[in-house]
Amino acid sequence: MAESLVVPEDSLKVGTVRRMADLISQAQPVLLVCLGYYAGAWIAKALRFPDSHLALIWPPTAILLAALLLVPLRKWWIYLLVVAPVHVVVQLQDGVPGWGVISQLIGNFSQASLAAFSVRYFNKKETPLFNNFRGVVVFTIGAVIFAPVVVSSIVAYLYVLSGWEQDYWYAWKARVLSNALSTFMIVPPILLVGRGVVQTGKIEPRRFLEAGLIAAGFGLIGFAAFRTEAAVAVFLYAPLPLLLWVTIRFGVGGLCLSLLVTAYLVFLDASGGQGPFATQSPAENMLALQLFLITISLPLLLLAVLIQERRDKAQTLRASEARYRALVMASAEMVWRANARGEGFFVNPSWQQLTGQNENEMRGFGWLEAVHPDDRERTARLWERAMIEKRTYENELRVRTREGNHRNFHVQAVPILAPDGNVHEWVGANIDITERKQAEQALHDLVAGTAVIGEEFFAAYVRHVAAALDQRLGRKL
């Protein structure tokens, strides 16, 4: 009994190793967020204007927000708890007083939590935010506008109380714009990578060439266009062609990276006392630069998402058409399509196998040549009436085979209507009813040639059907 309860030592080791591996895999994203939070704080410090405590962008809150959007709600406390010491350390290293550290901690964590909760609440289906227009609107309202405005209204007051800032309205405006700009530029690429939306397949060489040309263009603009205060017009318009190029060709991720490069180049010149954003005090220059970057970021982000949404719909449509064509090709029935004018433009191979007409010969109204001469006028009349009335077309006709005889078909087609109510195309099918017609004709002939009723008619009918079946079976054998 005792021996049967002993667990093998190897099993214990395997279980321990497996639990350690699971613990490490769960800790990796948390540690990555901590590292990003720490690095983001020092990046923000490097992007401060002289004699100012507020930075052009504030990456830590954006990184934490992206993490909260990627993980389940029940795990939020883990990230907030682990990141809190990182925040305290980096702020103390920066010389921030105690109350300033606490007020920034409250501001960062409450804003990230409120923004993540707002976006998730209005995006209940958990659809990708940056693949459709509605997702971007939800993200912009919840994470870019609502959360920074609400939280900054409280935190700016705490900044003033702690002595970190003196002007409440300046602290409020600077914090709102800084966090809004950071959210625009940093959160989208993190979400795209974290959710596996970014394609990681083979990249064409020309894409590297495009990226190199764009980088060279930004370098040229940073060297020439932003260097003098007189080059205001050049500065305002020079980056736009490159940003539009990136938006169309590289989507949301490429756009956000390009906006970060643009912001860095403009900041270097403005902080050095050059360019159009160096004409006022550092505080006013900061606000003007942030507002400018937000102004160009929002429409470009919406454009990138609209383009991506259109590409996704086109890809879905192509896949659907491919499945439809494969199904039609594999179908034993004759399936065909006609345009709004009733001209045939597609039919599966069954038609050619039956009639000998290829796809070019049946296009337009060439298919009528395969219809029995006695059925053509009625077929054309019914087809024209269905197109005029935009209703289902239904007809029975005879079709000439490549051997020269005719087979009977039941033809039915339905109109596919466009959003404006007009017919976009017709989709129809031809069902072979030759056997049914032959049976009906046989029954008609039997009734016509038999002058009996009741039991005599039934016996004669059974004999006729049996003879017909024997004839058909003998023909097949």
Protein backbone atom coordinates (compact mmCIF):
# COMPACT_ATOMS: atom_id res chain seq x y z
CA MET A 1 0.00 0.00 0.00
CA ALA A 2 2.77 2.45 1.00
CA GLU A 3 4.81 1.64 -2.06
CA SER A 4 1.88 2.32 -4.39
CA LEU A 5 1.65 5.93 -3.10
CA VAL A 6 5.29 6.76 -3.79
CA VAL A 7 5.67 9.29 -6.64
CA PRO A 8 8.68 8.66 -8.86
CA GLU A 9 11.47 11.19 -8.41
CA ASP A 10 11.66 11.81 -12.18
CA SER A 11 7.99 12.83 -12.24
CA LEU A 12 8.60 15.36 -9.46
CA LYS A 13 11.53 16.86 -11.35
CA VAL A 14 9.54 17.09 -14.58
CA GLY A 15 6.64 18.76 -12.75
CA THR A 16 8.97 21.26 -11.07
CA VAL A 17 10.68 22.13 -14.35
CA ARG A 18 7.34 22.56 -16.07
CA ARG A 19 6.04 24.88 -13.33
CA MET A 20 9.23 26.93 -13.50
CA ALA A 21 8.90 27.22 -17.27
CA ASP A 22 5.28 28.39 -16.93
CA LEU A 23 6.30 30.92 -14.28
CA ILE A 24 9.08 32.31 -16.48
CA SER A 25 6.77 32.56 -19.51
CA GLN A 26 4.21 34.49 -17.44
CA ALA A 27 6.86 36.77 -15.94
CA GLN A 28 8.44 37.70 -19.29
CA PRO A 29 5.74 40.17 -20.45
CA VAL A 30 5.63 41.79 -17.00
CA LEU A 31 9.41 42.26 -16.97
CA LEU A 32 9.27 43.58 -20.52
CA VAL A 33 6.71 46.20 -19.49
CA CYS A 34 8.91 47.21 -16.54
CA LEU A 35 11.90 47.59 -18.83
CA GLY A 36 9.87 49.64 -21.30
CA TYR A 37 8.50 51.82 -18.50
CA TYR A 38 12.00 52.53 -17.20
CA ALA A 39 13.44 53.23 -20.65
CA GLY A 40 10.42 55.37 -21.57
CA ALA A 41 10.94 57.59 -18.53
CA TRP A 42 14.55 58.30 -19.53
CA ILE A 43 13.50 58.95 -23.14
CA ALA A 44 10.98 61.48 -21.82
CA LYS A 45 13.74 63.13 -19.79
CA ALA A 46 15.83 63.49 -22.95
CA LEU A 47 12.87 65.17 -24.70
CA ARG A 48 12.44 67.99 -22.20
CA PHE A 49 12.80 71.59 -23.19
CA PRO A 50 15.36 73.59 -21.22
CA ASP A 51 14.11 74.84 -17.84
CA SER A 52 10.97 72.66 -18.00
CA HIS A 53 9.84 69.59 -16.05
CA LEU A 54 7.39 68.38 -18.72
CA ALA A 55 8.52 66.41 -21.76
CA LEU A 56 7.38 66.46 -25.38
CA ILE A 57 6.03 62.92 -24.97
CA TRP A 58 5.60 60.65 -21.93
CA PRO A 59 6.12 57.00 -23.04
CA PRO A 60 5.71 55.24 -19.63
CA THR A 61 1.94 55.79 -19.42
CA ALA A 62 1.49 54.78 -23.05
CA ILE A 63 3.50 51.58 -22.54
CA LEU A 64 1.48 50.69 -19.45
CA LEU A 65 -1.77 51.42 -21.30
CA ALA A 66 -0.75 49.11 -24.16
CA ALA A 67 0.03 46.35 -21.65
CA LEU A 68 -3.37 46.70 -19.96
CA LEU A 69 -5.11 46.50 -23.34
CA LEU A 70 -3.25 43.30 -24.19
CA VAL A 71 -3.78 41.34 -20.96
CA PRO A 72 -7.02 40.20 -19.27
CA LEU A 73 -8.60 42.51 -16.73
CA ARG A 74 -7.93 40.05 -13.90
CA LYS A 75 -4.15 40.46 -14.42
CA TRP A 76 -4.06 44.24 -14.33
CA TRP A 77 -3.13 44.33 -10.64
CA ILE A 78 0.02 42.31 -11.34
CA TYR A 79 1.35 44.85 -13.84
CA LEU A 80 0.41 47.84 -11.70
CA LEU A 81 1.99 46.28 -8.60
CA VAL A 82 5.25 45.35 -10.33
CA VAL A 83 5.62 48.61 -12.27
CA ALA A 84 5.08 50.80 -9.19
CA PRO A 85 8.63 50.28 -7.77
CA VAL A 86 10.09 50.95 -11.21
CA HIS A 87 8.25 54.27 -11.31
CA VAL A 88 9.50 55.26 -7.87
CA VAL A 89 13.12 54.37 -8.70
CA VAL A 90 13.24 56.22 -12.00
CA GLN A 91 11.59 59.32 -10.53
CA LEU A 92 13.94 59.43 -7.55
CA GLN A 93 16.90 59.08 -9.91
CA ASP A 94 15.54 62.09 -11.79
CA GLY A 95 15.48 64.17 -8.61
CA VAL A 96 11.70 64.37 -8.30
CA PRO A 97 10.53 65.19 -4.75
CA GLY A 98 8.46 62.68 -2.82
CA TRP A 99 5.06 64.28 -3.41
CA GLY A 100 5.92 64.68 -7.06
CA VAL A 101 6.69 60.97 -7.31
CA ILE A 102 3.37 60.08 -5.69
CA SER A 103 1.34 62.51 -7.79
CA GLN A 104 2.91 61.21 -11.02
CA LEU A 105 2.35 57.62 -9.91
CA ILE A 106 -1.33 58.36 -9.29
CA GLY A 107 -1.60 60.15 -12.62
CA ASN A 108 0.13 57.49 -14.72
CA PHE A 109 -1.64 54.49 -13.22
CA SER A 110 -5.11 56.05 -13.06
CA GLN A 111 -4.89 57.35 -16.62
CA ALA A 112 -3.68 54.02 -18.05
CA SER A 113 -6.40 52.14 -16.15
CA LEU A 114 -9.19 54.57 -17.09
CA ALA A 115 -8.14 54.64 -20.74
CA ALA A 116 -7.88 50.85 -20.97
CA PHE A 117 -11.23 50.36 -19.25
CA SER A 118 -12.95 52.93 -21.50
CA VAL A 119 -11.60 51.39 -24.70
CA ARG A 120 -12.51 47.88 -23.61
CA TYR A 121 -16.00 48.95 -22.52
CA PHE A 122 -16.86 50.45 -25.90
CA ASN A 123 -15.00 47.75 -27.81
CA LYS A 124 -16.83 44.81 -26.24
CA LYS A 125 -16.31 42.48 -29.21
CA GLU A 126 -12.53 42.76 -28.66
CA THR A 127 -12.01 43.48 -32.36
CA PRO A 128 -8.60 44.88 -33.40
CA LEU A 129 -8.64 48.62 -32.79
CA PHE A 130 -6.59 49.62 -35.80
CA ASN A 131 -8.23 47.51 -38.49
CA ASN A 132 -11.48 49.46 -38.68
CA PHE A 133 -12.67 53.04 -38.42
CA ARG A 134 -14.89 52.45 -35.39
CA GLY A 135 -11.95 51.02 -33.43
CA VAL A 136 -9.86 54.13 -34.03
CA VAL A 137 -12.74 56.39 -32.97
CA VAL A 138 -13.18 54.40 -29.75
CA PHE A 139 -9.42 54.52 -29.10
CA THR A 140 -9.21 58.26 -29.80
CA ILE A 141 -12.16 59.22 -27.62
CA GLY A 142 -11.38 56.88 -24.73
CA ALA A 143 -7.57 56.78 -24.59
CA VAL A 144 -6.46 59.99 -26.30
CA ILE A 145 -9.08 62.49 -25.14
CA PHE A 146 -11.25 61.28 -22.23
CA ALA A 147 -8.67 59.69 -19.92
CA PRO A 148 -5.92 62.37 -20.24
CA VAL A 149 -8.41 65.24 -19.81
CA VAL A 150 -10.12 63.76 -16.75
CA VAL A 151 -6.99 62.55 -14.98
CA SER A 152 -4.94 65.66 -15.79
CA SER A 153 -7.62 67.84 -14.20
CA ILE A 154 -6.78 66.22 -10.86
CA VAL A 155 -3.09 65.45 -11.30
CA ALA A 156 -2.19 68.97 -12.42
CA TYR A 157 -3.54 70.21 -9.11
CA LEU A 158 -1.38 67.65 -7.30
CA TYR A 159 1.64 68.88 -9.28
CA VAL A 160 1.03 72.41 -8.02
CA LEU A 161 0.49 71.24 -4.44
CA SER A 162 3.73 69.24 -4.49
CA GLY A 163 5.68 72.19 -5.89
CA TRP A 164 6.57 70.28 -9.06
CA GLU A 165 4.75 72.90 -11.17
CA GLN A 166 3.53 76.41 -10.42
CA ASP A 167 0.94 77.12 -13.14
CA TYR A 168 -2.08 74.83 -12.99
CA TRP A 169 -3.41 75.55 -16.48
CA TYR A 170 -0.03 75.16 -18.11
CA ALA A 171 0.55 71.86 -16.28
CA TRP A 172 -2.93 70.67 -17.32
CA LYS A 173 -2.48 71.60 -20.99
CA ALA A 174 1.05 70.23 -21.19
CA ARG A 175 0.12 66.94 -19.54
CA VAL A 176 -2.98 66.43 -21.73
CA LEU A 177 -1.10 67.12 -24.96
CA SER A 178 1.96 65.11 -23.91
CA ASN A 179 -0.07 62.03 -23.02
CA ALA A 180 -2.35 62.35 -26.04
CA LEU A 181 0.65 62.55 -28.36
CA SER A 182 2.37 59.62 -26.65
CA THR A 183 -0.77 57.50 -26.90
CA PHE A 184 -1.09 58.25 -30.62
CA MET A 185 2.51 57.37 -31.42
CA ILE A 186 3.39 54.51 -29.05
CA VAL A 187 0.28 52.45 -28.26
CA PRO A 188 -0.76 51.44 -31.85
CA PRO A 189 2.52 49.72 -32.85
CA ILE A 190 2.72 47.89 -29.50
CA LEU A 191 -0.84 46.57 -29.92
CA LEU A 192 -0.18 45.55 -33.52
CA VAL A 193 2.92 43.58 -32.54
CA GLY A 194 1.39 42.17 -29.34
CA ARG A 195 -1.69 40.84 -31.13
CA GLY A 196 0.24 39.43 -34.06
CA VAL A 197 -1.35 41.76 -36.61
CA VAL A 198 1.99 42.73 -38.12
CA GLN A 199 2.96 40.43 -40.98
CA THR A 200 6.20 38.59 -40.32
CA GLY A 201 6.49 36.76 -43.63
CA LYS A 202 9.03 37.31 -46.36
CA ILE A 203 9.48 41.01 -47.14
CA GLU A 204 10.10 42.08 -50.71
CA PRO A 205 13.41 43.86 -51.38
CA ARG A 206 11.62 46.89 -52.77
CA ARG A 207 10.03 47.45 -49.37
CA PHE A 208 13.50 47.86 -47.87
CA LEU A 209 14.31 50.27 -50.69
CA GLU A 210 11.17 52.29 -49.91
CA ALA A 211 12.04 52.38 -46.22
CA GLY A 212 15.57 53.55 -47.07
CA LEU A 213 14.28 56.34 -49.31
CA ILE A 214 11.84 57.48 -46.63
CA ALA A 215 14.59 57.50 -43.99
CA ALA A 216 16.81 59.50 -46.33
CA GLY A 217 13.96 61.94 -46.91
CA PHE A 218 13.46 62.49 -43.19
CA GLY A 219 17.20 62.98 -42.75
CA LEU A 220 17.25 65.59 -45.51
CA ILE A 221 14.28 67.41 -44.01
CA GLY A 222 15.83 67.36 -40.56
CA PHE A 223 19.09 68.75 -41.92
CA ALA A 224 17.73 71.40 -44.28
CA ALA A 225 14.11 72.30 -43.65
CA PHE A 226 14.15 72.64 -39.85
CA ARG A 227 17.38 74.54 -39.44
CA THR A 228 16.32 78.12 -39.92
CA GLU A 229 13.50 80.10 -38.42
CA ALA A 230 12.66 81.53 -41.86
CA ALA A 231 11.83 78.07 -43.21
CA VAL A 232 8.39 77.96 -41.60
CA ALA A 233 6.43 77.05 -44.75
CA VAL A 234 8.99 74.44 -45.77
CA PHE A 235 8.89 72.86 -42.34
CA LEU A 236 5.11 72.69 -42.16
CA TYR A 237 4.71 70.98 -45.53
CA ALA A 238 7.98 69.14 -46.15
CA PRO A 239 7.24 66.07 -43.98
CA LEU A 240 3.68 65.58 -45.28
CA PRO A 241 4.54 63.81 -48.58
CA LEU A 242 6.75 61.34 -46.71
CA LEU A 243 4.12 60.79 -44.02
CA LEU A 244 1.45 60.17 -46.68
CA TRP A 245 3.80 57.75 -48.44
CA VAL A 246 4.35 55.85 -45.19
CA THR A 247 0.63 55.88 -44.40
CA ILE A 248 -0.34 54.32 -47.72
CA ARG A 249 2.49 51.82 -48.02
CA PHE A 250 3.33 50.83 -44.41
CA GLY A 251 0.08 51.34 -42.51
CA VAL A 252 -0.40 52.30 -38.88
CA GLY A 253 2.86 50.85 -37.57
CA GLY A 254 5.02 52.63 -40.14
CA LEU A 255 3.11 55.88 -39.64
CA CYS A 256 3.64 55.86 -35.86
CA LEU A 257 7.37 55.23 -36.27
CA SER A 258 7.61 58.07 -38.81
CA LEU A 259 5.74 60.42 -36.49
CA LEU A 260 8.20 59.61 -33.71
CA VAL A 261 11.10 60.41 -36.04
CA THR A 262 9.41 63.65 -37.10
CA ALA A 263 8.78 64.64 -33.48
CA TYR A 264 12.41 63.95 -32.56
CA LEU A 265 13.79 65.99 -35.47
CA VAL A 266 11.55 68.95 -34.71
CA PHE A 267 12.37 68.74 -31.01
CA LEU A 268 16.12 68.81 -31.68
CA ASP A 269 15.85 71.99 -33.68
CA ALA A 270 13.33 73.67 -31.36
CA SER A 271 15.32 72.86 -28.22
CA GLY A 272 18.42 74.20 -29.94
CA GLY A 273 16.70 77.51 -30.63
CA GLN A 274 16.10 76.89 -34.36
CA GLY A 275 13.03 76.47 -36.49
CA PRO A 276 9.51 77.88 -36.19
CA PHE A 277 8.91 76.33 -32.75
CA ALA A 278 11.74 78.23 -31.08
CA THR A 279 10.35 81.75 -31.30
CA GLN A 280 8.62 81.87 -27.89
CA SER A 281 9.31 80.72 -24.35
CA PRO A 282 10.15 77.02 -23.82
CA ALA A 283 6.72 76.44 -22.29
CA GLU A 284 4.86 77.95 -25.24
CA ASN A 285 7.16 76.23 -27.73
CA MET A 286 6.37 72.89 -26.09
CA LEU A 287 2.62 73.37 -26.32
CA ALA A 288 2.76 74.60 -29.92
CA LEU A 289 4.92 71.66 -31.00
CA GLN A 290 2.68 69.11 -29.25
CA LEU A 291 -0.47 70.60 -30.77
CA PHE A 292 1.09 70.58 -34.24
CA LEU A 293 2.11 66.93 -34.00
CA ILE A 294 -1.33 65.89 -32.72
CA THR A 295 -2.99 67.84 -35.52
CA ILE A 296 -1.11 65.93 -38.22
CA SER A 297 -1.23 62.58 -36.38
CA LEU A 298 -4.99 62.15 -36.07
CA PRO A 299 -6.02 62.51 -39.75
CA LEU A 300 -3.08 60.41 -40.92
CA LEU A 301 -3.96 57.65 -38.43
CA LEU A 302 -7.58 57.67 -39.63
CA LEU A 303 -6.39 57.53 -43.23
CA ALA A 304 -4.08 54.59 -42.49
CA VAL A 305 -6.91 52.66 -40.82
CA LEU A 306 -9.35 53.37 -43.65
CA ILE A 307 -6.81 52.10 -46.17
CA GLN A 308 -6.16 48.99 -44.08
CA GLU A 309 -9.91 48.40 -43.68
CA ARG A 310 -10.37 48.62 -47.44
CA ARG A 311 -7.48 46.21 -48.02
CA ASP A 312 -8.95 43.73 -45.54
CA LYS A 313 -12.36 43.91 -47.21
CA ALA A 314 -10.82 43.45 -50.65
CA GLN A 315 -8.84 40.45 -49.42
CA THR A 316 -11.97 38.95 -47.84
CA LEU A 317 -13.88 39.51 -51.07
CA ARG A 318 -11.15 37.84 -53.13
CA ALA A 319 -11.12 34.86 -50.78
CA SER A 320 -14.91 34.61 -50.95
CA GLU A 321 -14.89 34.76 -54.74
CA ALA A 322 -12.18 32.10 -54.86
CA ARG A 323 -14.27 29.80 -52.65
CA TYR A 324 -17.36 30.49 -54.74
CA ARG A 325 -15.53 29.74 -57.99
CA ALA A 326 -14.06 26.54 -56.56
CA LEU A 327 -17.52 25.43 -55.41
CA VAL A 328 -19.03 26.23 -58.80
CA MET A 329 -16.28 24.41 -60.67
CA ALA A 330 -16.79 21.33 -58.51
CA SER A 331 -20.58 21.43 -58.86
CA ALA A 332 -22.30 18.89 -61.07
CA GLU A 333 -25.04 21.40 -61.97
CA MET A 334 -24.61 24.25 -64.44
CA VAL A 335 -24.05 27.48 -62.54
CA TRP A 336 -23.71 30.73 -64.47
CA ARG A 337 -23.51 34.48 -64.03
CA ALA A 338 -24.72 37.38 -66.14
CA ASN A 339 -24.24 41.13 -65.88
CA ALA A 340 -27.01 43.65 -65.24
CA ARG A 341 -27.85 43.72 -68.98
CA GLY A 342 -28.38 39.97 -68.99
CA GLU A 343 -25.20 39.15 -70.88
CA GLY A 344 -23.60 35.94 -69.69
CA PHE A 345 -19.95 36.17 -68.68
CA PHE A 346 -19.28 33.03 -66.65
CA VAL A 347 -20.44 29.42 -66.63
CA ASN A 348 -18.87 26.33 -65.11
CA PRO A 349 -17.34 23.62 -67.33
CA SER A 350 -20.55 21.54 -67.38
CA TRP A 351 -22.00 23.83 -70.08
CA GLN A 352 -19.05 23.32 -72.41
CA GLN A 353 -19.09 19.59 -71.79
CA LEU A 354 -22.78 19.47 -72.74
CA THR A 355 -23.05 21.93 -75.63
CA GLY A 356 -19.49 22.20 -76.93
CA GLN A 357 -19.61 26.00 -76.51
CA ASN A 358 -16.55 27.48 -74.84
CA GLU A 359 -16.74 30.46 -72.49
CA ASN A 360 -16.14 33.00 -75.26
CA GLU A 361 -18.88 31.54 -77.46
CA MET A 362 -21.47 31.66 -74.69
CA ARG A 363 -20.63 35.25 -73.61
CA GLY A 364 -23.20 37.96 -74.20
CA PHE A 365 -26.22 36.19 -75.66
CA GLY A 366 -24.26 33.52 -77.47
CA TRP A 367 -25.78 30.90 -75.17
CA LEU A 368 -29.11 31.35 -77.02
CA GLU A 369 -27.56 29.58 -80.01
CA ALA A 370 -27.58 26.37 -77.98
CA VAL A 371 -31.28 26.73 -77.09
CA HIS A 372 -33.85 24.88 -79.21
CA PRO A 373 -35.16 27.21 -81.97
CA ASP A 374 -38.74 26.77 -80.77
CA ASP A 375 -37.76 27.91 -77.25
CA ARG A 376 -35.57 30.90 -78.11
CA GLU A 377 -38.23 33.56 -78.54
CA ARG A 378 -40.01 32.63 -75.29
CA THR A 379 -36.70 32.37 -73.42
CA ALA A 380 -35.55 35.80 -74.60
CA ARG A 381 -38.95 37.33 -73.75
CA LEU A 382 -39.06 35.92 -70.23
CA TRP A 383 -35.41 36.90 -69.62
CA GLU A 384 -36.06 40.47 -70.73
CA ARG A 385 -39.17 40.73 -68.54
CA ALA A 386 -37.25 39.47 -65.48
CA MET A 387 -34.53 42.07 -66.04
CA ILE A 388 -37.07 44.87 -66.35
CA GLU A 389 -39.04 43.82 -63.27
CA LYS A 390 -35.90 42.81 -61.29
CA ARG A 391 -37.51 39.56 -60.23
CA THR A 392 -36.55 35.90 -60.28
CA TYR A 393 -36.24 34.41 -63.75
CA GLU A 394 -37.67 30.91 -64.20
CA ASN A 395 -38.08 28.92 -67.39
CA GLU A 396 -37.99 25.45 -68.93
CA LEU A 397 -36.19 25.02 -72.23
CA ARG A 398 -34.38 22.55 -74.43
CA VAL A 399 -30.62 22.76 -74.98
CA ARG A 400 -28.77 21.26 -77.92
CA THR A 401 -25.95 18.90 -76.99
CA ARG A 402 -22.72 18.48 -78.88
CA GLU A 403 -24.14 15.21 -80.33
CA GLY A 404 -27.03 17.14 -81.91
CA ASN A 405 -29.91 15.97 -79.71
CA HIS A 406 -31.65 18.05 -77.02
CA ARG A 407 -31.99 17.83 -73.27
CA ASN A 408 -34.55 19.59 -71.08
CA PHE A 409 -33.51 22.04 -68.38
CA HIS A 410 -35.22 24.00 -65.65
CA VAL A 411 -33.49 27.41 -65.48
CA GLN A 412 -33.72 29.72 -62.51
CA ALA A 413 -31.81 32.95 -61.84
CA VAL A 414 -31.98 35.57 -59.10
CA PRO A 415 -30.85 39.21 -59.30
CA ILE A 416 -28.07 40.49 -57.03
CA LEU A 417 -29.08 44.03 -56.10
CA ALA A 418 -26.65 46.87 -55.45
CA PRO A 419 -27.16 49.25 -52.48
CA ASP A 420 -28.92 51.73 -54.79
CA GLY A 421 -31.54 49.11 -55.74
CA ASN A 422 -30.25 48.45 -59.25
CA VAL A 423 -29.28 44.99 -60.43
CA HIS A 424 -25.57 44.34 -60.03
CA GLU A 425 -25.55 40.90 -61.66
CA TRP A 426 -27.54 37.69 -62.06
CA VAL A 427 -26.68 34.27 -60.67
CA GLY A 428 -28.48 31.25 -62.07
CA ALA A 429 -28.46 27.48 -62.32
CA ASN A 430 -29.61 25.00 -64.98
CA ILE A 431 -31.05 21.74 -63.65
CA ASP A 432 -31.35 18.81 -66.04
CA ILE A 433 -34.97 17.58 -66.01
CA THR A 434 -34.76 15.38 -69.09
CA GLU A 435 -35.57 12.22 -67.15
CA ARG A 436 -38.56 13.87 -65.55
CA LYS A 437 -39.83 15.09 -68.92
CA GLN A 438 -39.42 11.63 -70.40
CA ALA A 439 -41.38 10.12 -67.52
CA GLU A 440 -44.12 12.71 -67.95
CA GLN A 441 -44.25 12.06 -71.67
CA ALA A 442 -44.36 8.32 -71.07
CA LEU A 443 -47.25 8.75 -68.68
CA HIS A 444 -49.05 10.99 -71.16
CA ASP A 445 -48.57 8.47 -73.94
CA LEU A 446 -49.79 5.69 -71.68
CA VAL A 447 -52.93 7.57 -70.74
CA ALA A 448 -53.57 8.60 -74.31
CA GLY A 449 -53.14 5.05 -75.66
CA THR A 450 -55.12 3.29 -72.94
CA ALA A 451 -58.90 3.51 -72.85
CA VAL A 452 -59.25 1.86 -69.47
CA ILE A 453 -59.77 3.19 -66.00
CA GLY A 454 -59.55 1.95 -62.44
CA GLU A 455 -57.71 -1.33 -61.81
CA GLU A 456 -57.14 -1.99 -65.54
CA PHE A 457 -55.38 1.38 -65.92
CA PHE A 458 -53.19 0.74 -62.87
CA ALA A 459 -52.11 -2.69 -64.13
CA ALA A 460 -51.33 -1.27 -67.56
CA TYR A 461 -49.36 1.56 -65.98
CA VAL A 462 -47.28 -0.87 -63.88
CA ARG A 463 -46.50 -2.97 -66.95
CA HIS A 464 -45.45 0.12 -68.90
CA VAL A 465 -43.14 1.40 -66.16
CA ALA A 466 -41.61 -2.06 -65.69
CA ALA A 467 -40.92 -2.29 -69.40
CA ALA A 468 -39.36 1.16 -69.42
CA LEU A 469 -37.13 0.25 -66.46
CA ASP A 470 -36.05 -3.02 -68.07
CA GLN A 471 -35.21 -1.13 -71.24
CA ARG A 472 -33.13 1.46 -69.35
CA LEU A 473 -31.31 -1.13 -67.24
CA GLY A 474 -30.59 -3.23 -70.28
CA ARG A 475 -29.22 -0.19 -72.07
CA LYS A 476 -26.87 0.60 -69.14
CA LEU A 477 -25.65 -3.01 -68.92
